[in-house]
Structures are given as structure tokens and as C-alpha cells.
Amino acid sequence: MTFKHDDYTVAWICALPLELAAARLMLDELHSSLPQPDTDHNAYILGSIIGHNVVVACLPSGVYGTTSAATVLAQILPTFPCLRFALMVGIGGGVPGKKADIRLGDVVVSIPTATVGGVVQYDYGKTLRDGYMQRTGSLNKPPQCLLTAVSRIRSEYLLEDSPIKRMSMEILDKHRASRQTIRPDYDWLFMAIYDHTNGRLLLMR
């Protein structure tokens, strides 16, 4: 089947090549490349997930941050005019805490609350003298179609095995030949106060 630019409705933006490789593994089907205007400098991977046609793009190597992500998205939109929404998916830092103990490796999905739209952008605030951070702005909440999908996923998780976990294990088994996707025999967790020699991890048993 031949696809056109108008057939793609979801944009998936990655920050790192490792994230781009993971995104490619998630695609059920890969599509052929399409021509793009000279003003669009992105490199795309096109495909589909459960019937949704997806455009996957990665930030330029070594050029990260919100400005770079906005530039990539600005170039995607004219090339694929029927996109319904764009997702920034990637590896985030852990934020351990008493209320929400978020660790590296956890899957985090943003949902709005009474006071914030979901994600709290780190540079939308200022630190006061006592160390308290006062927010000076906020991001809009995700579109309703995504929030209803999150509600369904949360419901399924309460009643049966997590579909996300099952899908992840299937992908790992399918692509076991790739060393990057093999689950390690041992996961190493260091105390927050551990001082890594020369900034490198020393793994010892």
C-alpha cells in the first residue's frame, strides 16, 4: 500500500538516537520514505502502530532542548499537514520523592490536575530564597483523545496484566539479536550519595 503525507496523524519526536531505535522497534510496520520540501531538514522514519500512521523524528545529534524540539516540530507540520498531535517521548531523569517515587526506567505519562496541565516544565519557574520553586507559567493539558486513552489503559491495568508490559516483552523477544534491547541479568542501583570515579560507573559484584 502506498501512503501519502496526508495519511499520517501522529508525530513522535525523540531526543536521542537510542530513543529513535526504540521507537522504530515499536512500529508494527515500516513505510517507504516520502519526499519533503527543501525547508524540512528532518530525517523521518514512517510506519504504523495498531493502524495509526506515525511520523518519527529525532533531534539533531548534540543539539537538545526545548528550542530544538520546537524547530523539529515546526518543520514536521507543513510536510505532514494532517497530524492530530505530536508526542515527545524519551528518557527522563528520575525524581524520587515521598508522594511519587519516580525512578529511571519508570514509564511516566502526563495527566492534568486541578492546578497544572500535566507536565511541569523546569524553566517555567524561579527559585526563592528558602529554596521553594515558584511556578511562573504552565503548559496546556494533552488533547482529550489522549486523556481518554490513558483512562482506558489505567482501567485495563487494574483488571488484567499490563498491556504495555506485555507489548514490551514481546518486542524484546522479537529483537533479542540486538544487544541494545537485551534485558541485563543484573540491574545496578547506586545510592544517591555514591561518588562515581571520574564520572564513570564502576560495576562491581
C-alpha atoms as a PDB file:
ATOM      1  CA  MET A   1       0.000   0.000   0.000  1.00  0.00           C
ATOM      2  CA  THR A   2       1.270   3.455  -0.920  1.00  0.00           C
ATOM      3  CA  PHE A   3       0.936   6.172   1.715  1.00  0.00           C
ATOM      4  CA  LYS A   4       0.741   9.940   1.249  1.00  0.00           C
ATOM      5  CA  HIS A   5       1.744  12.792   3.546  1.00  0.00           C
ATOM      6  CA  ASP A   6      -1.900  13.328   4.481  1.00  0.00           C
ATOM      7  CA  ASP A   7      -2.188   9.756   5.801  1.00  0.00           C
ATOM      8  CA  TYR A   8      -0.046  10.439   8.870  1.00  0.00           C
ATOM      9  CA  THR A   9      -1.817  11.661  12.006  1.00  0.00           C
ATOM     10  CA  VAL A  10       0.716  11.199  14.837  1.00  0.00           C
ATOM     11  CA  ALA A  11       4.207  12.683  15.244  1.00  0.00           C
ATOM     12  CA  TRP A  12       6.686  11.012  17.607  1.00  0.00           C
ATOM     13  CA  ILE A  13       9.732  13.132  18.488  1.00  0.00           C
ATOM     14  CA  CYS A  14      12.818  11.617  20.121  1.00  0.00           C
ATOM     15  CA  ALA A  15      15.808  13.410  21.611  1.00  0.00           C
ATOM     16  CA  LEU A  16      18.435  10.649  21.311  1.00  0.00           C
ATOM     17  CA  PRO A  17      19.387   8.044  18.670  1.00  0.00           C
ATOM     18  CA  LEU A  18      18.802   5.341  21.309  1.00  0.00           C
ATOM     19  CA  GLU A  19      15.218   6.561  21.689  1.00  0.00           C
ATOM     20  CA  LEU A  20      14.810   6.616  17.907  1.00  0.00           C
ATOM     21  CA  ALA A  21      15.928   2.976  17.731  1.00  0.00           C
ATOM     22  CA  ALA A  22      13.378   2.043  20.413  1.00  0.00           C
ATOM     23  CA  ALA A  23      10.642   3.929  18.549  1.00  0.00           C
ATOM     24  CA  ARG A  24      11.450   2.038  15.357  1.00  0.00           C
ATOM     25  CA  LEU A  25      11.146  -1.281  17.198  1.00  0.00           C
ATOM     26  CA  MET A  26       7.685  -0.249  18.411  1.00  0.00           C
ATOM     27  CA  LEU A  27       6.345   0.145  14.863  1.00  0.00           C
ATOM     28  CA  ASP A  28       4.205  -2.723  13.627  1.00  0.00           C
ATOM     29  CA  GLU A  29       5.026  -1.843  10.026  1.00  0.00           C
ATOM     30  CA  LEU A  30       7.640   0.330   8.311  1.00  0.00           C
ATOM     31  CA  HIS A  31       6.650   2.548   5.366  1.00  0.00           C
ATOM     32  CA  SER A  32       8.679   3.880   2.463  1.00  0.00           C
ATOM     33  CA  SER A  33      10.151   7.365   2.699  1.00  0.00           C
ATOM     34  CA  LEU A  34       8.267  10.302   1.206  1.00  0.00           C
ATOM     35  CA  PRO A  35       9.655  13.414  -0.483  1.00  0.00           C
ATOM     36  CA  GLN A  36       9.939  16.514   1.665  1.00  0.00           C
ATOM     37  CA  PRO A  37      10.471  20.210   0.910  1.00  0.00           C
ATOM     38  CA  ASP A  38      13.932  21.775   0.985  1.00  0.00           C
ATOM     39  CA  THR A  39      12.940  23.720   4.096  1.00  0.00           C
ATOM     40  CA  ASP A  40      12.379  20.480   6.053  1.00  0.00           C
ATOM     41  CA  HIS A  41      15.739  19.237   7.349  1.00  0.00           C
ATOM     42  CA  ASN A  42      14.354  16.393   9.484  1.00  0.00           C
ATOM     43  CA  ALA A  43      15.084  12.726   8.810  1.00  0.00           C
ATOM     44  CA  TYR A  44      11.955  10.620   9.247  1.00  0.00           C
ATOM     45  CA  ILE A  45      11.040   7.039   9.976  1.00  0.00           C
ATOM     46  CA  LEU A  46       7.493   6.337   8.797  1.00  0.00           C
ATOM     47  CA  GLY A  47       5.331   3.468   9.955  1.00  0.00           C
ATOM     48  CA  SER A  48       2.194   2.377  11.743  1.00  0.00           C
ATOM     49  CA  ILE A  49       1.188   1.176  15.215  1.00  0.00           C
ATOM     50  CA  ILE A  50      -2.147  -0.614  15.555  1.00  0.00           C
ATOM     51  CA  GLY A  51      -3.469   1.141  12.459  1.00  0.00           C
ATOM     52  CA  HIS A  52      -2.195   4.634  13.356  1.00  0.00           C
ATOM     53  CA  ASN A  53       0.254   6.063  10.829  1.00  0.00           C
ATOM     54  CA  VAL A  54       3.190   7.629  12.671  1.00  0.00           C
ATOM     55  CA  VAL A  55       5.967  10.042  11.731  1.00  0.00           C
ATOM     56  CA  VAL A  56       9.079   9.532  13.895  1.00  0.00           C
ATOM     57  CA  ALA A  57      11.773  12.211  14.023  1.00  0.00           C
ATOM     58  CA  CYS A  58      14.866  12.766  16.164  1.00  0.00           C
ATOM     59  CA  LEU A  59      16.530  15.940  17.356  1.00  0.00           C
ATOM     60  CA  PRO A  60      19.859  16.762  15.673  1.00  0.00           C
ATOM     61  CA  SER A  61      22.763  14.999  17.374  1.00  0.00           C
ATOM     62  CA  GLY A  62      24.256  17.208  20.070  1.00  0.00           C
ATOM     63  CA  VAL A  63      21.520  19.846  19.747  1.00  0.00           C
ATOM     64  CA  TYR A  64      18.968  19.244  22.506  1.00  0.00           C
ATOM     65  CA  GLY A  65      16.438  21.228  24.481  1.00  0.00           C
ATOM     66  CA  THR A  66      13.004  22.746  24.012  1.00  0.00           C
ATOM     67  CA  THR A  67      14.122  25.111  21.237  1.00  0.00           C
ATOM     68  CA  SER A  68      15.494  22.233  19.151  1.00  0.00           C
ATOM     69  CA  ALA A  69      12.306  20.205  19.707  1.00  0.00           C
ATOM     70  CA  ALA A  70      10.156  23.176  18.653  1.00  0.00           C
ATOM     71  CA  THR A  71      12.246  23.591  15.480  1.00  0.00           C
ATOM     72  CA  VAL A  72      11.856  19.911  14.565  1.00  0.00           C
ATOM     73  CA  LEU A  73       8.087  20.111  15.093  1.00  0.00           C
ATOM     74  CA  ALA A  74       7.808  23.354  13.103  1.00  0.00           C
ATOM     75  CA  GLN A  75       9.377  21.574  10.123  1.00  0.00           C
ATOM     76  CA  ILE A  76       7.174  18.477  10.517  1.00  0.00           C
ATOM     77  CA  LEU A  77       3.855  20.328  10.414  1.00  0.00           C
ATOM     78  CA  PRO A  78       3.988  21.703   6.827  1.00  0.00           C
ATOM     79  CA  THR A  79       5.268  18.369   5.484  1.00  0.00           C
ATOM     80  CA  PHE A  80       2.571  16.301   7.223  1.00  0.00           C
ATOM     81  CA  PRO A  81      -0.439  18.677   7.422  1.00  0.00           C
ATOM     82  CA  CYS A  82      -2.959  16.167   8.863  1.00  0.00           C
ATOM     83  CA  LEU A  83      -1.167  15.482  12.161  1.00  0.00           C
ATOM     84  CA  ARG A  84      -3.594  15.419  15.100  1.00  0.00           C
ATOM     85  CA  PHE A  85      -0.924  15.700  17.788  1.00  0.00           C
ATOM     86  CA  ALA A  86       2.789  15.288  18.471  1.00  0.00           C
ATOM     87  CA  LEU A  87       4.378  13.338  21.320  1.00  0.00           C
ATOM     88  CA  MET A  88       7.780  13.967  22.869  1.00  0.00           C
ATOM     89  CA  VAL A  89       8.816  10.502  24.040  1.00  0.00           C
ATOM     90  CA  GLY A  90      12.154   9.712  25.613  1.00  0.00           C
ATOM     91  CA  ILE A  91      14.340   9.070  28.613  1.00  0.00           C
ATOM     92  CA  GLY A  92      13.832  11.423  31.541  1.00  0.00           C
ATOM     93  CA  GLY A  93      15.687  11.853  34.776  1.00  0.00           C
ATOM     94  CA  GLY A  94      14.361  10.320  37.970  1.00  0.00           C
ATOM     95  CA  VAL A  95      12.556  12.469  40.528  1.00  0.00           C
ATOM     96  CA  PRO A  96      12.485  10.442  43.763  1.00  0.00           C
ATOM     97  CA  GLY A  97      10.018  11.752  46.300  1.00  0.00           C
ATOM     98  CA  LYS A  98       7.670  10.749  49.095  1.00  0.00           C
ATOM     99  CA  LYS A  99       4.470  11.213  47.081  1.00  0.00           C
ATOM    100  CA  ALA A 100       5.627   9.986  43.658  1.00  0.00           C
ATOM    101  CA  ASP A 101       8.847   7.960  43.736  1.00  0.00           C
ATOM    102  CA  ILE A 102       9.851   8.230  40.068  1.00  0.00           C
ATOM    103  CA  ARG A 103      12.974   6.301  39.114  1.00  0.00           C
ATOM    104  CA  LEU A 104      14.956   5.989  35.901  1.00  0.00           C
ATOM    105  CA  GLY A 105      13.259   3.247  33.890  1.00  0.00           C
ATOM    106  CA  ASP A 106       9.721   4.072  35.018  1.00  0.00           C
ATOM    107  CA  VAL A 107       7.113   4.878  32.364  1.00  0.00           C
ATOM    108  CA  VAL A 108       5.696   8.336  33.089  1.00  0.00           C
ATOM    109  CA  VAL A 109       2.570   9.646  31.362  1.00  0.00           C
ATOM    110  CA  SER A 110       1.439  13.214  31.954  1.00  0.00           C
ATOM    111  CA  ILE A 111      -2.131  13.863  33.114  1.00  0.00           C
ATOM    112  CA  PRO A 112      -3.627  17.187  34.234  1.00  0.00           C
ATOM    113  CA  THR A 113      -4.572  18.059  37.814  1.00  0.00           C
ATOM    114  CA  ALA A 114      -6.544  20.909  39.337  1.00  0.00           C
ATOM    115  CA  THR A 115      -3.531  23.228  39.278  1.00  0.00           C
ATOM    116  CA  VAL A 116      -1.329  22.086  36.354  1.00  0.00           C
ATOM    117  CA  GLY A 117      -1.935  20.884  32.805  1.00  0.00           C
ATOM    118  CA  GLY A 118       0.244  17.815  33.276  1.00  0.00           C
ATOM    119  CA  VAL A 119       3.961  18.239  32.623  1.00  0.00           C
ATOM    120  CA  VAL A 120       5.606  20.970  34.700  1.00  0.00           C
ATOM    121  CA  GLN A 121       8.334  22.479  32.546  1.00  0.00           C
ATOM    122  CA  TYR A 122      11.509  23.005  34.559  1.00  0.00           C
ATOM    123  CA  ASP A 123      12.214  26.512  33.255  1.00  0.00           C
ATOM    124  CA  TYR A 124       8.709  27.828  33.990  1.00  0.00           C
ATOM    125  CA  GLY A 125       9.601  28.978  37.475  1.00  0.00           C
ATOM    126  CA  LYS A 126      12.014  30.729  39.770  1.00  0.00           C
ATOM    127  CA  THR A 127      13.670  29.594  42.975  1.00  0.00           C
ATOM    128  CA  LEU A 128      13.001  31.756  46.015  1.00  0.00           C
ATOM    129  CA  ARG A 129      15.352  32.372  48.959  1.00  0.00           C
ATOM    130  CA  ASP A 130      14.108  29.430  51.012  1.00  0.00           C
ATOM    131  CA  GLY A 131      14.642  27.013  48.116  1.00  0.00           C
ATOM    132  CA  TYR A 132      10.950  26.865  47.224  1.00  0.00           C
ATOM    133  CA  MET A 133      10.276  26.942  43.471  1.00  0.00           C
ATOM    134  CA  GLN A 134       7.525  29.305  42.398  1.00  0.00           C
ATOM    135  CA  ARG A 135       5.976  28.471  39.026  1.00  0.00           C
ATOM    136  CA  THR A 136       5.752  31.390  36.610  1.00  0.00           C
ATOM    137  CA  GLY A 137       3.970  29.588  33.775  1.00  0.00           C
ATOM    138  CA  SER A 138       2.330  26.341  32.741  1.00  0.00           C
ATOM    139  CA  LEU A 139       1.839  24.082  29.745  1.00  0.00           C
ATOM    140  CA  ASN A 140      -1.523  23.221  28.233  1.00  0.00           C
ATOM    141  CA  LYS A 141      -3.038  19.819  29.010  1.00  0.00           C
ATOM    142  CA  PRO A 142      -2.845  16.981  26.448  1.00  0.00           C
ATOM    143  CA  PRO A 143      -5.736  16.660  23.951  1.00  0.00           C
ATOM    144  CA  GLN A 144      -8.877  14.861  25.099  1.00  0.00           C
ATOM    145  CA  CYS A 145      -8.355  11.886  22.774  1.00  0.00           C
ATOM    146  CA  LEU A 146      -5.086  11.099  24.570  1.00  0.00           C
ATOM    147  CA  LEU A 147      -6.539  11.586  28.039  1.00  0.00           C
ATOM    148  CA  THR A 148      -9.410   9.179  27.311  1.00  0.00           C
ATOM    149  CA  ALA A 149      -6.889   6.641  26.002  1.00  0.00           C
ATOM    150  CA  VAL A 150      -4.915   6.992  29.254  1.00  0.00           C
ATOM    151  CA  SER A 151      -8.120   6.350  31.236  1.00  0.00           C
ATOM    152  CA  ARG A 152      -8.676   3.113  29.310  1.00  0.00           C
ATOM    153  CA  ILE A 153      -5.085   1.963  29.852  1.00  0.00           C
ATOM    154  CA  ARG A 154      -5.337   2.666  33.596  1.00  0.00           C
ATOM    155  CA  SER A 155      -8.584   0.695  33.738  1.00  0.00           C
ATOM    156  CA  GLU A 156      -7.073  -2.292  31.921  1.00  0.00           C
ATOM    157  CA  TYR A 157      -4.103  -2.233  34.279  1.00  0.00           C
ATOM    158  CA  LEU A 158      -6.436  -2.623  37.270  1.00  0.00           C
ATOM    159  CA  LEU A 159      -8.225  -5.660  35.808  1.00  0.00           C
ATOM    160  CA  GLU A 160      -5.549  -7.602  33.927  1.00  0.00           C
ATOM    161  CA  ASP A 161      -1.880  -7.772  33.015  1.00  0.00           C
ATOM    162  CA  SER A 162      -0.437  -4.502  31.826  1.00  0.00           C
ATOM    163  CA  PRO A 163      -0.684  -4.353  28.006  1.00  0.00           C
ATOM    164  CA  ILE A 164       2.363  -2.074  27.959  1.00  0.00           C
ATOM    165  CA  LYS A 165       4.464  -4.620  29.849  1.00  0.00           C
ATOM    166  CA  ARG A 166       3.245  -7.446  27.621  1.00  0.00           C
ATOM    167  CA  MET A 167       3.996  -5.461  24.453  1.00  0.00           C
ATOM    168  CA  SER A 168       7.471  -4.538  25.743  1.00  0.00           C
ATOM    169  CA  MET A 169       8.340  -8.166  26.475  1.00  0.00           C
ATOM    170  CA  GLU A 170       7.119  -9.238  23.024  1.00  0.00           C
ATOM    171  CA  ILE A 171       9.340  -6.639  21.367  1.00  0.00           C
ATOM    172  CA  LEU A 172      12.338  -7.694  23.475  1.00  0.00           C
ATOM    173  CA  ASP A 173      11.816 -11.336  22.477  1.00  0.00           C
ATOM    174  CA  LYS A 174      11.361 -10.416  18.819  1.00  0.00           C
ATOM    175  CA  HIS A 175      14.541  -8.355  18.645  1.00  0.00           C
ATOM    176  CA  ARG A 176      16.715 -10.356  21.013  1.00  0.00           C
ATOM    177  CA  ALA A 177      19.529 -10.333  18.443  1.00  0.00           C
ATOM    178  CA  SER A 178      20.066  -6.638  19.140  1.00  0.00           C
ATOM    179  CA  ARG A 179      22.371  -6.221  22.147  1.00  0.00           C
ATOM    180  CA  GLN A 180      20.790  -2.849  22.913  1.00  0.00           C
ATOM    181  CA  THR A 181      17.401  -4.448  23.646  1.00  0.00           C
ATOM    182  CA  ILE A 182      18.526  -7.341  25.857  1.00  0.00           C
ATOM    183  CA  ARG A 183      17.491  -7.004  29.480  1.00  0.00           C
ATOM    184  CA  PRO A 184      20.611  -7.253  31.681  1.00  0.00           C
ATOM    185  CA  ASP A 185      20.965 -10.146  34.110  1.00  0.00           C
ATOM    186  CA  TYR A 186      21.584  -7.653  36.888  1.00  0.00           C
ATOM    187  CA  ASP A 187      20.267  -4.115  37.369  1.00  0.00           C
ATOM    188  CA  TRP A 188      22.587  -1.860  39.350  1.00  0.00           C
ATOM    189  CA  LEU A 189      21.134   0.815  41.612  1.00  0.00           C
ATOM    190  CA  PHE A 190      23.534   3.185  43.354  1.00  0.00           C
ATOM    191  CA  MET A 191      22.819   5.317  46.386  1.00  0.00           C
ATOM    192  CA  ALA A 192      22.292   8.999  45.565  1.00  0.00           C
ATOM    193  CA  ILE A 193      25.424   9.927  47.547  1.00  0.00           C
ATOM    194  CA  TYR A 194      27.674   7.471  45.643  1.00  0.00           C
ATOM    195  CA  ASP A 195      30.644   9.237  44.046  1.00  0.00           C
ATOM    196  CA  HIS A 196      31.381   7.734  40.608  1.00  0.00           C
ATOM    197  CA  THR A 197      35.101   7.844  39.845  1.00  0.00           C
ATOM    198  CA  ASN A 198      35.785  10.363  37.053  1.00  0.00           C
ATOM    199  CA  GLY A 199      32.054  10.495  36.379  1.00  0.00           C
ATOM    200  CA  ARG A 200      32.028   6.869  35.175  1.00  0.00           C
ATOM    201  CA  LEU A 201      30.050   3.936  36.506  1.00  0.00           C
ATOM    202  CA  LEU A 202      32.102   1.171  38.115  1.00  0.00           C
ATOM    203  CA  LEU A 203      30.062  -2.023  38.205  1.00  0.00           C
ATOM    204  CA  MET A 204      31.237  -4.433  40.897  1.00  0.00           C
ATOM    205  CA  ARG A 205      29.664  -7.636  42.187  1.00  0.00           C
END
